[in-house]
Amino acid sequence: MYETVKVKKGQIDILYASAGVGEFNVPLGSITEANFDNTFNVNVRGTLFTVQKALPLMRAGGSIIMTGSIASVKGFRA
């Protein structure tokens, strides 16, 4: 994707990075390493590397917008 942007446009003015996945009905004592890895791979790793790989294409004065989730402030069962 970034190679296509580089060839066709040359730079990025605005990057909006957001990812969200979660297993909200898994009780705390039942979370496995696989559950944890999946959540962090999408929500943290995916967003971080999306931004990192875009940096060389960001124009001076460009903007990176990263959003989070309501999950940190909303209660869920389990």
PDB file of N, CA and C in Angstrom:
ATOM      1  N   MET A   1       0.823  -1.189   0.000  1.00  0.00           N
ATOM      2  CA  MET A   1       0.000   0.000   0.000  1.00  0.00           C
ATOM      3  C   MET A   1       0.871   1.259   0.000  1.00  0.00           C
ATOM      4  N   TYR A   2       1.894   1.268   0.865  1.00  0.00           N
ATOM      5  CA  TYR A   2       2.726   2.467   0.941  1.00  0.00           C
ATOM      6  C   TYR A   2       3.514   2.700  -0.344  1.00  0.00           C
ATOM      7  N   GLU A   3       3.921   1.635  -1.000  1.00  0.00           N
ATOM      8  CA  GLU A   3       4.629   1.787  -2.277  1.00  0.00           C
ATOM      9  C   GLU A   3       3.706   2.412  -3.323  1.00  0.00           C
ATOM     10  N   THR A   4       2.447   2.013  -3.319  1.00  0.00           N
ATOM     11  CA  THR A   4       1.465   2.597  -4.244  1.00  0.00           C
ATOM     12  C   THR A   4       1.281   4.081  -3.964  1.00  0.00           C
ATOM     13  N   VAL A   5       1.170   4.443  -2.685  1.00  0.00           N
ATOM     14  CA  VAL A   5       1.036   5.859  -2.311  1.00  0.00           C
ATOM     15  C   VAL A   5       2.267   6.633  -2.772  1.00  0.00           C
ATOM     16  N   LYS A   6       3.441   6.074  -2.540  1.00  0.00           N
ATOM     17  CA  LYS A   6       4.690   6.740  -2.923  1.00  0.00           C
ATOM     18  C   LYS A   6       4.733   6.997  -4.425  1.00  0.00           C
ATOM     19  N   VAL A   7       4.368   5.994  -5.202  1.00  0.00           N
ATOM     20  CA  VAL A   7       4.415   6.112  -6.663  1.00  0.00           C
ATOM     21  C   VAL A   7       3.345   7.075  -7.180  1.00  0.00           C
ATOM     22  N   LYS A   8       2.120   6.957  -6.666  1.00  0.00           N
ATOM     23  CA  LYS A   8       1.009   7.739  -7.216  1.00  0.00           C
ATOM     24  C   LYS A   8       0.889   9.147  -6.639  1.00  0.00           C
ATOM     25  N   LYS A   9       1.221   9.318  -5.355  1.00  0.00           N
ATOM     26  CA  LYS A   9       1.027  10.616  -4.706  1.00  0.00           C
ATOM     27  C   LYS A   9       2.305  11.221  -4.136  1.00  0.00           C
ATOM     28  N   GLY A  10       3.287  10.382  -3.804  1.00  0.00           N
ATOM     29  CA  GLY A  10       4.556  10.882  -3.311  1.00  0.00           C
ATOM     30  C   GLY A  10       4.645  11.096  -1.816  1.00  0.00           C
ATOM     31  N   GLN A  11       3.525  11.414  -1.185  1.00  0.00           N
ATOM     32  CA  GLN A  11       3.555  11.687   0.250  1.00  0.00           C
ATOM     33  C   GLN A  11       2.172  11.511   0.853  1.00  0.00           C
ATOM     34  N   ILE A  12       2.136  11.519   2.172  1.00  0.00           N
ATOM     35  CA  ILE A  12       0.875  11.422   2.916  1.00  0.00           C
ATOM     36  C   ILE A  12       0.681  12.730   3.681  1.00  0.00           C
ATOM     37  N   ASP A  13      -0.503  13.303   3.550  1.00  0.00           N
ATOM     38  CA  ASP A  13      -0.838  14.516   4.286  1.00  0.00           C
ATOM     39  C   ASP A  13      -1.442  14.188   5.646  1.00  0.00           C
ATOM     40  N   ILE A  14      -2.342  13.210   5.658  1.00  0.00           N
ATOM     41  CA  ILE A  14      -3.035  12.830   6.883  1.00  0.00           C
ATOM     42  C   ILE A  14      -3.106  11.313   6.962  1.00  0.00           C
ATOM     43  N   LEU A  15      -2.768  10.792   8.126  1.00  0.00           N
ATOM     44  CA  LEU A  15      -2.902   9.359   8.377  1.00  0.00           C
ATOM     45  C   LEU A  15      -3.819   9.175   9.568  1.00  0.00           C
ATOM     46  N   TYR A  16      -4.868   8.409   9.386  1.00  0.00           N
ATOM     47  CA  TYR A  16      -5.790   8.069  10.471  1.00  0.00           C
ATOM     48  C   TYR A  16      -5.570   6.602  10.797  1.00  0.00           C
ATOM     49  N   ALA A  17      -5.096   6.317  11.988  1.00  0.00           N
ATOM     50  CA  ALA A  17      -4.799   4.944  12.386  1.00  0.00           C
ATOM     51  C   ALA A  17      -5.679   4.549  13.565  1.00  0.00           C
ATOM     52  N   SER A  18      -6.448   3.509  13.361  1.00  0.00           N
ATOM     53  CA  SER A  18      -7.321   3.018  14.409  1.00  0.00           C
ATOM     54  C   SER A  18      -7.534   1.528  14.199  1.00  0.00           C
ATOM     55  N   ALA A  19      -7.515   0.786  15.263  1.00  0.00           N
ATOM     56  CA  ALA A  19      -7.792  -0.643  15.182  1.00  0.00           C
ATOM     57  C   ALA A  19      -8.521  -1.038  16.445  1.00  0.00           C
ATOM     58  N   GLY A  20      -9.357  -2.013  16.344  1.00  0.00           N
ATOM     59  CA  GLY A  20     -10.051  -2.435  17.541  1.00  0.00           C
ATOM     60  C   GLY A  20     -10.598  -3.834  17.437  1.00  0.00           C
ATOM     61  N   VAL A  21     -10.180  -4.638  18.360  1.00  0.00           N
ATOM     62  CA  VAL A  21     -10.729  -5.975  18.499  1.00  0.00           C
ATOM     63  C   VAL A  21     -10.661  -6.310  19.983  1.00  0.00           C
ATOM     64  N   GLY A  22     -11.607  -7.029  20.445  1.00  0.00           N
ATOM     65  CA  GLY A  22     -11.587  -7.425  21.840  1.00  0.00           C
ATOM     66  C   GLY A  22     -12.558  -8.562  22.087  1.00  0.00           C
ATOM     67  N   GLU A  23     -12.269  -9.336  23.089  1.00  0.00           N
ATOM     68  CA  GLU A  23     -13.156 -10.421  23.493  1.00  0.00           C
ATOM     69  C   GLU A  23     -13.682 -10.040  24.869  1.00  0.00           C
ATOM     70  N   PHE A  24     -14.772  -9.314  24.880  1.00  0.00           N
ATOM     71  CA  PHE A  24     -15.243  -8.678  26.096  1.00  0.00           C
ATOM     72  C   PHE A  24     -15.994  -9.602  27.040  1.00  0.00           C
ATOM     73  N   ASN A  25     -16.344 -10.781  26.594  1.00  0.00           N
ATOM     74  CA  ASN A  25     -17.090 -11.697  27.450  1.00  0.00           C
ATOM     75  C   ASN A  25     -16.231 -12.838  27.973  1.00  0.00           C
ATOM     76  N   VAL A  26     -14.920 -12.680  27.921  1.00  0.00           N
ATOM     77  CA  VAL A  26     -14.010 -13.688  28.465  1.00  0.00           C
ATOM     78  C   VAL A  26     -13.664 -13.260  29.889  1.00  0.00           C
ATOM     79  N   PRO A  27     -14.024 -14.078  30.874  1.00  0.00           N
ATOM     80  CA  PRO A  27     -13.701 -13.716  32.259  1.00  0.00           C
ATOM     81  C   PRO A  27     -12.196 -13.552  32.448  1.00  0.00           C
ATOM     82  N   LEU A  28     -11.805 -12.650  33.312  1.00  0.00           N
ATOM     83  CA  LEU A  28     -10.397 -12.342  33.544  1.00  0.00           C
ATOM     84  C   LEU A  28      -9.568 -13.593  33.792  1.00  0.00           C
ATOM     85  N   GLY A  29     -10.079 -14.522  34.576  1.00  0.00           N
ATOM     86  CA  GLY A  29      -9.340 -15.741  34.889  1.00  0.00           C
ATOM     87  C   GLY A  29      -9.262 -16.734  33.746  1.00  0.00           C
ATOM     88  N   SER A  30      -9.972 -16.468  32.653  1.00  0.00           N
ATOM     89  CA  SER A  30      -9.992 -17.388  31.510  1.00  0.00           C
ATOM     90  C   SER A  30      -9.214 -16.885  30.305  1.00  0.00           C
ATOM     91  N   ILE A  31      -8.661 -15.691  30.392  1.00  0.00           N
ATOM     92  CA  ILE A  31      -7.915 -15.135  29.258  1.00  0.00           C
ATOM     93  C   ILE A  31      -6.661 -15.966  29.035  1.00  0.00           C
ATOM     94  N   THR A  32      -6.466 -16.382  27.792  1.00  0.00           N
ATOM     95  CA  THR A  32      -5.289 -17.184  27.442  1.00  0.00           C
ATOM     96  C   THR A  32      -4.236 -16.296  26.793  1.00  0.00           C
ATOM     97  N   GLU A  33      -3.053 -16.845  26.628  1.00  0.00           N
ATOM     98  CA  GLU A  33      -2.007 -16.111  25.906  1.00  0.00           C
ATOM     99  C   GLU A  33      -2.451 -15.835  24.478  1.00  0.00           C
ATOM    100  N   ALA A  34      -3.185 -16.758  23.876  1.00  0.00           N
ATOM    101  CA  ALA A  34      -3.685 -16.547  22.511  1.00  0.00           C
ATOM    102  C   ALA A  34      -4.665 -15.373  22.470  1.00  0.00           C
ATOM    103  N   ASN A  35      -5.573 -15.286  23.471  1.00  0.00           N
ATOM    104  CA  ASN A  35      -6.490 -14.137  23.539  1.00  0.00           C
ATOM    105  C   ASN A  35      -5.713 -12.829  23.632  1.00  0.00           C
ATOM    106  N   PHE A  36      -4.754 -12.812  24.551  1.00  0.00           N
ATOM    107  CA  PHE A  36      -3.939 -11.621  24.774  1.00  0.00           C
ATOM    108  C   PHE A  36      -3.174 -11.246  23.509  1.00  0.00           C
ATOM    109  N   ASP A  37      -2.492 -12.222  22.902  1.00  0.00           N
ATOM    110  CA  ASP A  37      -1.692 -11.958  21.698  1.00  0.00           C
ATOM    111  C   ASP A  37      -2.552 -11.415  20.568  1.00  0.00           C
ATOM    112  N   ASN A  38      -3.731 -11.986  20.355  1.00  0.00           N
ATOM    113  CA  ASN A  38      -4.613 -11.513  19.286  1.00  0.00           C
ATOM    114  C   ASN A  38      -5.024 -10.065  19.527  1.00  0.00           C
ATOM    115  N   THR A  39      -5.434  -9.752  20.745  1.00  0.00           N
ATOM    116  CA  THR A  39      -5.864  -8.397  21.065  1.00  0.00           C
ATOM    117  C   THR A  39      -4.731  -7.395  20.886  1.00  0.00           C
ATOM    118  N   PHE A  40      -3.560  -7.694  21.430  1.00  0.00           N
ATOM    119  CA  PHE A  40      -2.446  -6.753  21.341  1.00  0.00           C
ATOM    120  C   PHE A  40      -1.842  -6.693  19.942  1.00  0.00           C
ATOM    121  N   ASN A  41      -1.869  -7.792  19.209  1.00  0.00           N
ATOM    122  CA  ASN A  41      -1.356  -7.766  17.832  1.00  0.00           C
ATOM    123  C   ASN A  41      -2.173  -6.841  16.951  1.00  0.00           C
ATOM    124  N   VAL A  42      -3.481  -6.865  17.108  1.00  0.00           N
ATOM    125  CA  VAL A  42      -4.333  -5.982  16.299  1.00  0.00           C
ATOM    126  C   VAL A  42      -4.307  -4.558  16.841  1.00  0.00           C
ATOM    127  N   ASN A  43      -4.601  -4.400  18.121  1.00  0.00           N
ATOM    128  CA  ASN A  43      -4.805  -3.072  18.686  1.00  0.00           C
ATOM    129  C   ASN A  43      -3.529  -2.258  18.863  1.00  0.00           C
ATOM    130  N   VAL A  44      -2.443  -2.897  19.218  1.00  0.00           N
ATOM    131  CA  VAL A  44      -1.204  -2.168  19.483  1.00  0.00           C
ATOM    132  C   VAL A  44      -0.206  -2.357  18.343  1.00  0.00           C
ATOM    133  N   ARG A  45       0.158  -3.584  18.087  1.00  0.00           N
ATOM    134  CA  ARG A  45       1.165  -3.871  17.062  1.00  0.00           C
ATOM    135  C   ARG A  45       0.721  -3.359  15.683  1.00  0.00           C
ATOM    136  N   GLY A  46      -0.506  -3.655  15.312  1.00  0.00           N
ATOM    137  CA  GLY A  46      -1.007  -3.232  14.003  1.00  0.00           C
ATOM    138  C   GLY A  46      -0.993  -1.723  13.834  1.00  0.00           C
ATOM    139  N   THR A  47      -1.466  -1.006  14.853  1.00  0.00           N
ATOM    140  CA  THR A  47      -1.504   0.452  14.779  1.00  0.00           C
ATOM    141  C   THR A  47      -0.096   1.040  14.781  1.00  0.00           C
ATOM    142  N   LEU A  48       0.764   0.532  15.649  1.00  0.00           N
ATOM    143  CA  LEU A  48       2.138   1.046  15.723  1.00  0.00           C
ATOM    144  C   LEU A  48       2.863   0.890  14.394  1.00  0.00           C
ATOM    145  N   PHE A  49       2.804  -0.286  13.801  1.00  0.00           N
ATOM    146  CA  PHE A  49       3.542  -0.505  12.562  1.00  0.00           C
ATOM    147  C   PHE A  49       2.896   0.188  11.362  1.00  0.00           C
ATOM    148  N   THR A  50       1.592   0.414  11.421  1.00  0.00           N
ATOM    149  CA  THR A  50       0.942   1.220  10.381  1.00  0.00           C
ATOM    150  C   THR A  50       1.524   2.626  10.375  1.00  0.00           C
ATOM    151  N   VAL A  51       1.632   3.218  11.561  1.00  0.00           N
ATOM    152  CA  VAL A  51       2.184   4.567  11.673  1.00  0.00           C
ATOM    153  C   VAL A  51       3.673   4.564  11.332  1.00  0.00           C
ATOM    154  N   GLN A  52       4.415   3.634  11.872  1.00  0.00           N
ATOM    155  CA  GLN A  52       5.864   3.577  11.633  1.00  0.00           C
ATOM    156  C   GLN A  52       6.180   3.501  10.141  1.00  0.00           C
ATOM    157  N   LYS A  53       5.473   2.664   9.417  1.00  0.00           N
ATOM    158  CA  LYS A  53       5.761   2.490   7.990  1.00  0.00           C
ATOM    159  C   LYS A  53       5.315   3.700   7.160  1.00  0.00           C
ATOM    160  N   ALA A  54       4.416   4.499   7.712  1.00  0.00           N
ATOM    161  CA  ALA A  54       3.962   5.703   7.004  1.00  0.00           C
ATOM    162  C   ALA A  54       4.895   6.888   7.208  1.00  0.00           C
ATOM    163  N   LEU A  55       5.693   6.877   8.267  1.00  0.00           N
ATOM    164  CA  LEU A  55       6.521   8.042   8.609  1.00  0.00           C
ATOM    165  C   LEU A  55       7.396   8.559   7.461  1.00  0.00           C
ATOM    166  N   PRO A  56       8.074   7.681   6.710  1.00  0.00           N
ATOM    167  CA  PRO A  56       8.911   8.206   5.625  1.00  0.00           C
ATOM    168  C   PRO A  56       8.120   8.950   4.544  1.00  0.00           C
ATOM    169  N   LEU A  57       6.814   8.708   4.474  1.00  0.00           N
ATOM    170  CA  LEU A  57       5.986   9.356   3.459  1.00  0.00           C
ATOM    171  C   LEU A  57       5.240  10.581   3.973  1.00  0.00           C
ATOM    172  N   MET A  58       5.326  10.839   5.274  1.00  0.00           N
ATOM    173  CA  MET A  58       4.597  11.976   5.835  1.00  0.00           C
ATOM    174  C   MET A  58       5.231  13.286   5.384  1.00  0.00           C
ATOM    175  N   ARG A  59       4.399  14.186   4.917  1.00  0.00           N
ATOM    176  CA  ARG A  59       4.907  15.498   4.515  1.00  0.00           C
ATOM    177  C   ARG A  59       5.151  16.341   5.750  1.00  0.00           C
ATOM    178  N   ALA A  60       6.022  17.316   5.649  1.00  0.00           N
ATOM    179  CA  ALA A  60       6.257  18.252   6.752  1.00  0.00           C
ATOM    180  C   ALA A  60       4.935  18.951   7.069  1.00  0.00           C
ATOM    181  N   GLY A  61       4.552  18.975   8.319  1.00  0.00           N
ATOM    182  CA  GLY A  61       3.288  19.588   8.706  1.00  0.00           C
ATOM    183  C   GLY A  61       2.091  18.662   8.590  1.00  0.00           C
ATOM    184  N   GLY A  62       2.324  17.422   8.169  1.00  0.00           N
ATOM    185  CA  GLY A  62       1.238  16.450   8.063  1.00  0.00           C
ATOM    186  C   GLY A  62       0.736  16.053   9.444  1.00  0.00           C
ATOM    187  N   SER A  63      -0.372  15.346   9.462  1.00  0.00           N
ATOM    188  CA  SER A  63      -0.980  14.948  10.733  1.00  0.00           C
ATOM    189  C   SER A  63      -1.179  13.449  10.806  1.00  0.00           C
ATOM    190  N   ILE A  64      -0.916  12.905  11.997  1.00  0.00           N
ATOM    191  CA  ILE A  64      -1.234  11.510  12.297  1.00  0.00           C
ATOM    192  C   ILE A  64      -2.279  11.539  13.388  1.00  0.00           C
ATOM    193  N   ILE A  65      -3.407  10.924  13.121  1.00  0.00           N
ATOM    194  CA  ILE A  65      -4.508  10.874  14.068  1.00  0.00           C
ATOM    195  C   ILE A  65      -4.683   9.419  14.494  1.00  0.00           C
ATOM    196  N   MET A  66      -4.589   9.186  15.799  1.00  0.00           N
ATOM    197  CA  MET A  66      -4.784   7.842  16.338  1.00  0.00           C
ATOM    198  C   MET A  66      -5.943   7.902  17.321  1.00  0.00           C
ATOM    199  N   THR A  67      -6.870   6.991  17.183  1.00  0.00           N
ATOM    200  CA  THR A  67      -8.004   6.966  18.097  1.00  0.00           C
ATOM    201  C   THR A  67      -8.003   5.680  18.908  1.00  0.00           C
ATOM    202  N   GLY A  68      -8.631   5.761  20.034  1.00  0.00           N
ATOM    203  CA  GLY A  68      -8.762   4.605  20.903  1.00  0.00           C
ATOM    204  C   GLY A  68     -10.187   4.092  20.867  1.00  0.00           C
ATOM    205  N   SER A  69     -10.551   3.434  21.928  1.00  0.00           N
ATOM    206  CA  SER A  69     -11.843   2.782  21.996  1.00  0.00           C
ATOM    207  C   SER A  69     -12.581   3.211  23.262  1.00  0.00           C
ATOM    208  N   ILE A  70     -13.882   3.039  23.236  1.00  0.00           N
ATOM    209  CA  ILE A  70     -14.666   3.293  24.441  1.00  0.00           C
ATOM    210  C   ILE A  70     -14.493   2.165  25.454  1.00  0.00           C
ATOM    211  N   ALA A  71     -13.823   1.097  25.048  1.00  0.00           N
ATOM    212  CA  ALA A  71     -13.682  -0.065  25.925  1.00  0.00           C
ATOM    213  C   ALA A  71     -12.983   0.266  27.247  1.00  0.00           C
ATOM    214  N   SER A  72     -12.163   1.298  27.253  1.00  0.00           N
ATOM    215  CA  SER A  72     -11.450   1.651  28.484  1.00  0.00           C
ATOM    216  C   SER A  72     -12.344   2.367  29.497  1.00  0.00           C
ATOM    217  N   VAL A  73     -13.496   2.846  29.065  1.00  0.00           N
ATOM    218  CA  VAL A  73     -14.361   3.586  29.965  1.00  0.00           C
ATOM    219  C   VAL A  73     -15.763   2.976  30.075  1.00  0.00           C
ATOM    220  N   LYS A  74     -15.995   1.911  29.361  1.00  0.00           N
ATOM    221  CA  LYS A  74     -17.309   1.249  29.387  1.00  0.00           C
ATOM    222  C   LYS A  74     -17.174  -0.083  30.104  1.00  0.00           C
ATOM    223  N   GLY A  75     -18.086  -0.370  30.967  1.00  0.00           N
ATOM    224  CA  GLY A  75     -18.047  -1.641  31.682  1.00  0.00           C
ATOM    225  C   GLY A  75     -18.588  -2.792  30.835  1.00  0.00           C
ATOM    226  N   PHE A  76     -18.015  -3.956  31.014  1.00  0.00           N
ATOM    227  CA  PHE A  76     -18.452  -5.162  30.319  1.00  0.00           C
ATOM    228  C   PHE A  76     -18.591  -6.303  31.307  1.00  0.00           C
ATOM    229  N   ARG A  77     -19.534  -7.180  31.091  1.00  0.00           N
ATOM    230  CA  ARG A  77     -19.642  -8.378  31.930  1.00  0.00           C
ATOM    231  C   ARG A  77     -18.365  -9.171  31.861  1.00  0.00           C
ATOM    232  N   ALA A  78     -18.021  -9.847  32.928  1.00  0.00           N
ATOM    233  CA  ALA A  78     -16.848 -10.721  33.008  1.00  0.00           C
ATOM    234  C   ALA A  78     -15.594  -9.905  33.182  1.00  0.00           C
TER     235      ALA A  78
END
